């Protein structure tokens, strides 16, 4: 998240957003979700961390549960 915040290039920010979805611990899935939904990331860029979490077999089910809680 710090790399995203401090990067001056669009490519650096995109890589950072993709990488923050590469986690395994449940608390990091929630932290990533909260960061993405905080408004700090432009709406057109939120797909990168969410795609990473959704493709990760260790986090996709938890991500789905968090989505349902958020909009349920």
PDB file of N, CA and C in Angstrom:
ATOM      1  N   UNK A   1       0.830  -1.192   0.000  1.00  0.00           N
ATOM      2  CA  UNK A   1       0.000   0.000   0.000  1.00  0.00           C
ATOM      3  C   UNK A   1       0.873   1.253   0.000  1.00  0.00           C
ATOM      4  N   UNK A   2       1.969   1.169   0.735  1.00  0.00           N
ATOM      5  CA  UNK A   2       2.868   2.317   0.770  1.00  0.00           C
ATOM      6  C   UNK A   2       3.486   2.568  -0.604  1.00  0.00           C
ATOM      7  N   UNK A   3       3.816   1.504  -1.324  1.00  0.00           N
ATOM      8  CA  UNK A   3       4.367   1.665  -2.674  1.00  0.00           C
ATOM      9  C   UNK A   3       3.356   2.350  -3.575  1.00  0.00           C
ATOM     10  N   UNK A   4       2.097   1.970  -3.475  1.00  0.00           N
ATOM     11  CA  UNK A   4       1.055   2.635  -4.258  1.00  0.00           C
ATOM     12  C   UNK A   4       1.013   4.123  -3.924  1.00  0.00           C
ATOM     13  N   UNK A   5       1.061   4.418  -2.653  1.00  0.00           N
ATOM     14  CA  UNK A   5       0.946   5.816  -2.218  1.00  0.00           C
ATOM     15  C   UNK A   5       2.145   6.668  -2.619  1.00  0.00           C
ATOM     16  N   UNK A   6       3.318   6.075  -2.736  1.00  0.00           N
ATOM     17  CA  UNK A   6       4.521   6.868  -2.998  1.00  0.00           C
ATOM     18  C   UNK A   6       5.009   6.803  -4.438  1.00  0.00           C
ATOM     19  N   UNK A   7       4.455   5.908  -5.234  1.00  0.00           N
ATOM     20  CA  UNK A   7       4.903   5.785  -6.621  1.00  0.00           C
ATOM     21  C   UNK A   7       4.463   7.010  -7.419  1.00  0.00           C
ATOM     22  N   UNK A   8       5.352   7.447  -8.292  1.00  0.00           N
ATOM     23  CA  UNK A   8       5.045   8.611  -9.133  1.00  0.00           C
ATOM     24  C   UNK A   8       4.612   8.207 -10.540  1.00  0.00           C
ATOM     25  N   UNK A   9       4.730   6.912 -10.855  1.00  0.00           N
ATOM     26  CA  UNK A   9       4.352   6.469 -12.198  1.00  0.00           C
ATOM     27  C   UNK A   9       3.058   5.671 -12.155  1.00  0.00           C
ATOM     28  N   UNK A  10       2.302   5.767 -13.226  1.00  0.00           N
ATOM     29  CA  UNK A  10       1.056   5.014 -13.329  1.00  0.00           C
ATOM     30  C   UNK A  10       1.341   3.515 -13.331  1.00  0.00           C
ATOM     31  N   UNK A  11       2.408   3.103 -14.011  1.00  0.00           N
ATOM     32  CA  UNK A  11       2.758   1.686 -14.044  1.00  0.00           C
ATOM     33  C   UNK A  11       3.123   1.174 -12.656  1.00  0.00           C
ATOM     34  N   UNK A  12       3.867   1.958 -11.902  1.00  0.00           N
ATOM     35  CA  UNK A  12       4.240   1.567 -10.545  1.00  0.00           C
ATOM     36  C   UNK A  12       3.024   1.408  -9.659  1.00  0.00           C
ATOM     37  N   UNK A  13       2.080   2.313  -9.802  1.00  0.00           N
ATOM     38  CA  UNK A  13       0.849   2.224  -9.021  1.00  0.00           C
ATOM     39  C   UNK A  13       0.047   0.973  -9.404  1.00  0.00           C
ATOM     40  N   UNK A  14      -0.037   0.684 -10.706  1.00  0.00           N
ATOM     41  CA  UNK A  14      -0.786  -0.487 -11.162  1.00  0.00           C
ATOM     42  C   UNK A  14      -0.149  -1.781 -10.667  1.00  0.00           C
ATOM     43  N   UNK A  15       1.159  -1.870 -10.712  1.00  0.00           N
ATOM     44  CA  UNK A  15       1.856  -3.056 -10.206  1.00  0.00           C
ATOM     45  C   UNK A  15       1.619  -3.210  -8.709  1.00  0.00           C
ATOM     46  N   UNK A  16       1.699  -2.111  -7.980  1.00  0.00           N
ATOM     47  CA  UNK A  16       1.467  -2.158  -6.532  1.00  0.00           C
ATOM     48  C   UNK A  16       0.053  -2.635  -6.219  1.00  0.00           C
ATOM     49  N   UNK A  17      -0.924  -2.153  -6.966  1.00  0.00           N
ATOM     50  CA  UNK A  17      -2.314  -2.565  -6.729  1.00  0.00           C
ATOM     51  C   UNK A  17      -2.517  -4.049  -7.014  1.00  0.00           C
ATOM     52  N   UNK A  18      -1.868  -4.553  -8.029  1.00  0.00           N
ATOM     53  CA  UNK A  18      -1.962  -5.979  -8.330  1.00  0.00           C
ATOM     54  C   UNK A  18      -1.325  -6.803  -7.227  1.00  0.00           C
ATOM     55  N   UNK A  19      -0.199  -6.342  -6.725  1.00  0.00           N
ATOM     56  CA  UNK A  19       0.537  -7.095  -5.702  1.00  0.00           C
ATOM     57  C   UNK A  19      -0.164  -7.111  -4.345  1.00  0.00           C
ATOM     58  N   UNK A  20      -0.913  -6.072  -4.007  1.00  0.00           N
ATOM     59  CA  UNK A  20      -1.539  -6.082  -2.682  1.00  0.00           C
ATOM     60  C   UNK A  20      -2.634  -7.138  -2.561  1.00  0.00           C
ATOM     61  N   UNK A  21      -3.065  -7.690  -3.689  1.00  0.00           N
ATOM     62  CA  UNK A  21      -4.034  -8.774  -3.643  1.00  0.00           C
ATOM     63  C   UNK A  21      -3.402 -10.147  -3.487  1.00  0.00           C
ATOM     64  N   UNK A  22      -2.088 -10.195  -3.444  1.00  0.00           N
ATOM     65  CA  UNK A  22      -1.378 -11.476  -3.311  1.00  0.00           C
ATOM     66  C   UNK A  22      -1.098 -11.742  -1.836  1.00  0.00           C
ATOM     67  N   UNK A  23      -2.147 -12.052  -1.102  1.00  0.00           N
ATOM     68  CA  UNK A  23      -2.053 -12.298   0.343  1.00  0.00           C
ATOM     69  C   UNK A  23      -2.693 -13.641   0.659  1.00  0.00           C
ATOM     70  N   UNK A  24      -2.500 -14.109   1.872  1.00  0.00           N
ATOM     71  CA  UNK A  24      -3.096 -15.374   2.291  1.00  0.00           C
ATOM     72  C   UNK A  24      -3.848 -15.262   3.616  1.00  0.00           C
ATOM     73  N   UNK A  25      -3.483 -14.295   4.443  1.00  0.00           N
ATOM     74  CA  UNK A  25      -4.085 -14.145   5.764  1.00  0.00           C
ATOM     75  C   UNK A  25      -5.421 -13.404   5.670  1.00  0.00           C
ATOM     76  N   UNK A  26      -6.437 -13.911   6.360  1.00  0.00           N
ATOM     77  CA  UNK A  26      -7.761 -13.279   6.307  1.00  0.00           C
ATOM     78  C   UNK A  26      -7.754 -11.799   6.687  1.00  0.00           C
ATOM     79  N   UNK A  27      -6.970 -11.414   7.684  1.00  0.00           N
ATOM     80  CA  UNK A  27      -6.964 -10.006   8.086  1.00  0.00           C
ATOM     81  C   UNK A  27      -6.390  -9.107   6.979  1.00  0.00           C
ATOM     82  N   UNK A  28      -5.506  -9.652   6.142  1.00  0.00           N
ATOM     83  CA  UNK A  28      -4.967  -8.863   5.032  1.00  0.00           C
ATOM     84  C   UNK A  28      -5.970  -8.751   3.891  1.00  0.00           C
ATOM     85  N   UNK A  29      -6.830  -9.742   3.746  1.00  0.00           N
ATOM     86  CA  UNK A  29      -7.899  -9.643   2.748  1.00  0.00           C
ATOM     87  C   UNK A  29      -8.832  -8.495   3.137  1.00  0.00           C
ATOM     88  N   UNK A  30      -9.226  -8.438   4.397  1.00  0.00           N
ATOM     89  CA  UNK A  30     -10.098  -7.360   4.882  1.00  0.00           C
ATOM     90  C   UNK A  30      -9.400  -6.003   4.762  1.00  0.00           C
ATOM     91  N   UNK A  31      -8.116  -5.955   5.118  1.00  0.00           N
ATOM     92  CA  UNK A  31      -7.356  -4.698   5.027  1.00  0.00           C
ATOM     93  C   UNK A  31      -7.268  -4.225   3.572  1.00  0.00           C
ATOM     94  N   UNK A  32      -7.048  -5.166   2.662  1.00  0.00           N
ATOM     95  CA  UNK A  32      -6.985  -4.824   1.241  1.00  0.00           C
ATOM     96  C   UNK A  32      -8.338  -4.324   0.758  1.00  0.00           C
ATOM     97  N   UNK A  33      -9.409  -5.020   1.126  1.00  0.00           N
ATOM     98  CA  UNK A  33     -10.753  -4.598   0.742  1.00  0.00           C
ATOM     99  C   UNK A  33     -11.033  -3.184   1.246  1.00  0.00           C
ATOM    100  N   UNK A  34     -10.738  -2.940   2.497  1.00  0.00           N
ATOM    101  CA  UNK A  34     -10.991  -1.617   3.079  1.00  0.00           C
ATOM    102  C   UNK A  34     -10.182  -0.534   2.381  1.00  0.00           C
ATOM    103  N   UNK A  35      -8.936  -0.841   2.048  1.00  0.00           N
ATOM    104  CA  UNK A  35      -8.084   0.121   1.341  1.00  0.00           C
ATOM    105  C   UNK A  35      -8.667   0.440  -0.033  1.00  0.00           C
ATOM    106  N   UNK A  36      -9.058  -0.605  -0.754  1.00  0.00           N
ATOM    107  CA  UNK A  36      -9.599  -0.405  -2.100  1.00  0.00           C
ATOM    108  C   UNK A  36     -10.895   0.403  -2.051  1.00  0.00           C
ATOM    109  N   UNK A  37     -11.726   0.160  -1.064  1.00  0.00           N
ATOM    110  CA  UNK A  37     -13.012   0.846  -0.972  1.00  0.00           C
ATOM    111  C   UNK A  37     -12.928   2.204  -0.270  1.00  0.00           C
ATOM    112  N   UNK A  38     -11.764   2.581   0.194  1.00  0.00           N
ATOM    113  CA  UNK A  38     -11.603   3.825   0.949  1.00  0.00           C
ATOM    114  C   UNK A  38     -11.776   5.086   0.106  1.00  0.00           C
ATOM    115  N   UNK A  39     -11.704   4.948  -1.207  1.00  0.00           N
ATOM    116  CA  UNK A  39     -11.766   6.117  -2.072  1.00  0.00           C
ATOM    117  C   UNK A  39     -10.393   6.645  -2.433  1.00  0.00           C
ATOM    118  N   UNK A  40      -9.367   6.086  -1.840  1.00  0.00           N
ATOM    119  CA  UNK A  40      -7.993   6.519  -2.137  1.00  0.00           C
ATOM    120  C   UNK A  40      -7.550   6.076  -3.539  1.00  0.00           C
ATOM    121  N   UNK A  41      -8.160   5.010  -4.030  1.00  0.00           N
ATOM    122  CA  UNK A  41      -7.823   4.487  -5.349  1.00  0.00           C
ATOM    123  C   UNK A  41      -8.924   4.903  -6.317  1.00  0.00           C
ATOM    124  N   UNK A  42      -8.574   5.434  -7.483  1.00  0.00           N
ATOM    125  CA  UNK A  42      -9.611   5.788  -8.450  1.00  0.00           C
ATOM    126  C   UNK A  42     -10.433   4.562  -8.845  1.00  0.00           C
ATOM    127  N   UNK A  43     -11.712   4.768  -9.084  1.00  0.00           N
ATOM    128  CA  UNK A  43     -12.626   3.663  -9.393  1.00  0.00           C
ATOM    129  C   UNK A  43     -12.139   2.820 -10.566  1.00  0.00           C
ATOM    130  N   UNK A  44     -11.508   3.437 -11.551  1.00  0.00           N
ATOM    131  CA  UNK A  44     -11.060   2.680 -12.719  1.00  0.00           C
ATOM    132  C   UNK A  44      -9.889   1.752 -12.403  1.00  0.00           C
ATOM    133  N   UNK A  45      -9.304   1.847 -11.204  1.00  0.00           N
ATOM    134  CA  UNK A  45      -8.146   1.029 -10.851  1.00  0.00           C
ATOM    135  C   UNK A  45      -8.441  -0.058  -9.821  1.00  0.00           C
ATOM    136  N   UNK A  46      -9.660  -0.114  -9.301  1.00  0.00           N
ATOM    137  CA  UNK A  46      -9.920  -1.074  -8.224  1.00  0.00           C
ATOM    138  C   UNK A  46      -9.980  -2.518  -8.706  1.00  0.00           C
ATOM    139  N   UNK A  47     -10.052  -2.720 -10.006  1.00  0.00           N
ATOM    140  CA  UNK A  47     -10.113  -4.086 -10.528  1.00  0.00           C
ATOM    141  C   UNK A  47      -8.833  -4.878 -10.241  1.00  0.00           C
ATOM    142  N   UNK A  48      -7.689  -4.234 -10.206  1.00  0.00           N
ATOM    143  CA  UNK A  48      -6.416  -4.962 -10.043  1.00  0.00           C
ATOM    144  C   UNK A  48      -6.317  -5.713  -8.720  1.00  0.00           C
ATOM    145  N   UNK A  49      -6.488  -5.055  -7.580  1.00  0.00           N
ATOM    146  CA  UNK A  49      -6.391  -5.816  -6.336  1.00  0.00           C
ATOM    147  C   UNK A  49      -7.537  -6.811  -6.168  1.00  0.00           C
ATOM    148  N   UNK A  50      -8.731  -6.470  -6.631  1.00  0.00           N
ATOM    149  CA  UNK A  50      -9.849  -7.400  -6.519  1.00  0.00           C
ATOM    150  C   UNK A  50      -9.638  -8.627  -7.414  1.00  0.00           C
ATOM    151  N   UNK A  51      -9.090  -8.428  -8.604  1.00  0.00           N
ATOM    152  CA  UNK A  51      -8.785  -9.566  -9.463  1.00  0.00           C
ATOM    153  C   UNK A  51      -7.760 -10.475  -8.802  1.00  0.00           C
ATOM    154  N   UNK A  52      -6.738  -9.890  -8.206  1.00  0.00           N
ATOM    155  CA  UNK A  52      -5.712 -10.699  -7.532  1.00  0.00           C
ATOM    156  C   UNK A  52      -6.314 -11.511  -6.400  1.00  0.00           C
ATOM    157  N   UNK A  53      -7.168 -10.890  -5.604  1.00  0.00           N
ATOM    158  CA  UNK A  53      -7.813 -11.613  -4.500  1.00  0.00           C
ATOM    159  C   UNK A  53      -8.762 -12.692  -5.016  1.00  0.00           C
ATOM    160  N   UNK A  54      -9.475 -12.409  -6.091  1.00  0.00           N
ATOM    161  CA  UNK A  54     -10.434 -13.368  -6.633  1.00  0.00           C
ATOM    162  C   UNK A  54      -9.747 -14.565  -7.294  1.00  0.00           C
ATOM    163  N   UNK A  55      -8.582 -14.358  -7.852  1.00  0.00           N
ATOM    164  CA  UNK A  55      -7.850 -15.446  -8.494  1.00  0.00           C
ATOM    165  C   UNK A  55      -7.083 -16.298  -7.492  1.00  0.00           C
ATOM    166  N   UNK A  56      -6.890 -15.798  -6.307  1.00  0.00           N
ATOM    167  CA  UNK A  56      -6.145 -16.487  -5.261  1.00  0.00           C
ATOM    168  C   UNK A  56      -7.072 -17.509  -4.589  1.00  0.00           C
ATOM    169  N   UNK A  57      -6.747 -18.789  -4.706  1.00  0.00           N
ATOM    170  CA  UNK A  57      -7.616 -19.824  -4.153  1.00  0.00           C
ATOM    171  C   UNK A  57      -7.731 -19.758  -2.634  1.00  0.00           C
ATOM    172  N   UNK A  58      -6.775 -19.128  -1.967  1.00  0.00           N
ATOM    173  CA  UNK A  58      -6.814 -19.019  -0.507  1.00  0.00           C
ATOM    174  C   UNK A  58      -7.672 -17.843  -0.042  1.00  0.00           C
ATOM    175  N   UNK A  59      -8.006 -16.910  -0.938  1.00  0.00           N
ATOM    176  CA  UNK A  59      -8.722 -15.713  -0.508  1.00  0.00           C
ATOM    177  C   UNK A  59     -10.049 -15.476  -1.220  1.00  0.00           C
ATOM    178  N   UNK A  60     -10.315 -16.168  -2.299  1.00  0.00           N
ATOM    179  CA  UNK A  60     -11.506 -15.830  -3.099  1.00  0.00           C
ATOM    180  C   UNK A  60     -12.812 -16.016  -2.343  1.00  0.00           C
ATOM    181  N   UNK A  61     -12.920 -17.069  -1.537  1.00  0.00           N
ATOM    182  CA  UNK A  61     -14.174 -17.280  -0.799  1.00  0.00           C
ATOM    183  C   UNK A  61     -14.389 -16.200   0.260  1.00  0.00           C
ATOM    184  N   UNK A  62     -13.320 -15.836   0.942  1.00  0.00           N
ATOM    185  CA  UNK A  62     -13.428 -14.773   1.940  1.00  0.00           C
ATOM    186  C   UNK A  62     -13.758 -13.441   1.277  1.00  0.00           C
ATOM    187  N   UNK A  63     -13.148 -13.160   0.143  1.00  0.00           N
ATOM    188  CA  UNK A  63     -13.466 -11.929  -0.584  1.00  0.00           C
ATOM    189  C   UNK A  63     -14.948 -11.886  -0.931  1.00  0.00           C
ATOM    190  N   UNK A  64     -15.497 -13.004  -1.384  1.00  0.00           N
ATOM    191  CA  UNK A  64     -16.909 -13.058  -1.720  1.00  0.00           C
ATOM    192  C   UNK A  64     -17.773 -12.776  -0.493  1.00  0.00           C
ATOM    193  N   UNK A  65     -17.404 -13.357   0.645  1.00  0.00           N
ATOM    194  CA  UNK A  65     -18.157 -13.114   1.880  1.00  0.00           C
ATOM    195  C   UNK A  65     -18.094 -11.636   2.280  1.00  0.00           C
ATOM    196  N   UNK A  66     -16.940 -11.020   2.123  1.00  0.00           N
ATOM    197  CA  UNK A  66     -16.782  -9.594   2.462  1.00  0.00           C
ATOM    198  C   UNK A  66     -17.646  -8.749   1.527  1.00  0.00           C
ATOM    199  N   UNK A  67     -17.649  -9.076   0.229  1.00  0.00           N
ATOM    200  CA  UNK A  67     -18.511  -8.353  -0.712  1.00  0.00           C
ATOM    201  C   UNK A  67     -19.974  -8.458  -0.293  1.00  0.00           C
ATOM    202  N   UNK A  68     -20.412  -9.652   0.051  1.00  0.00           N
ATOM    203  CA  UNK A  68     -21.816  -9.834   0.439  1.00  0.00           C
ATOM    204  C   UNK A  68     -22.146  -9.062   1.715  1.00  0.00           C
ATOM    205  N   UNK A  69     -21.221  -9.027   2.673  1.00  0.00           N
ATOM    206  CA  UNK A  69     -21.443  -8.257   3.903  1.00  0.00           C
ATOM    207  C   UNK A  69     -21.521  -6.760   3.598  1.00  0.00           C
ATOM    208  N   UNK A  70     -20.668  -6.311   2.688  1.00  0.00           N
ATOM    209  CA  UNK A  70     -20.594  -4.889   2.369  1.00  0.00           C
ATOM    210  C   UNK A  70     -21.864  -4.403   1.663  1.00  0.00           C
ATOM    211  N   UNK A  71     -22.400  -5.232   0.773  1.00  0.00           N
ATOM    212  CA  UNK A  71     -23.566  -4.808  -0.001  1.00  0.00           C
ATOM    213  C   UNK A  71     -24.834  -5.571   0.350  1.00  0.00           C
ATOM    214  N   UNK A  72     -24.770  -6.386   1.390  1.00  0.00           N
ATOM    215  CA  UNK A  72     -25.907  -7.233   1.723  1.00  0.00           C
ATOM    216  C   UNK A  72     -26.970  -6.600   2.527  1.00  0.00           C
TER     217      UNK A  72
END
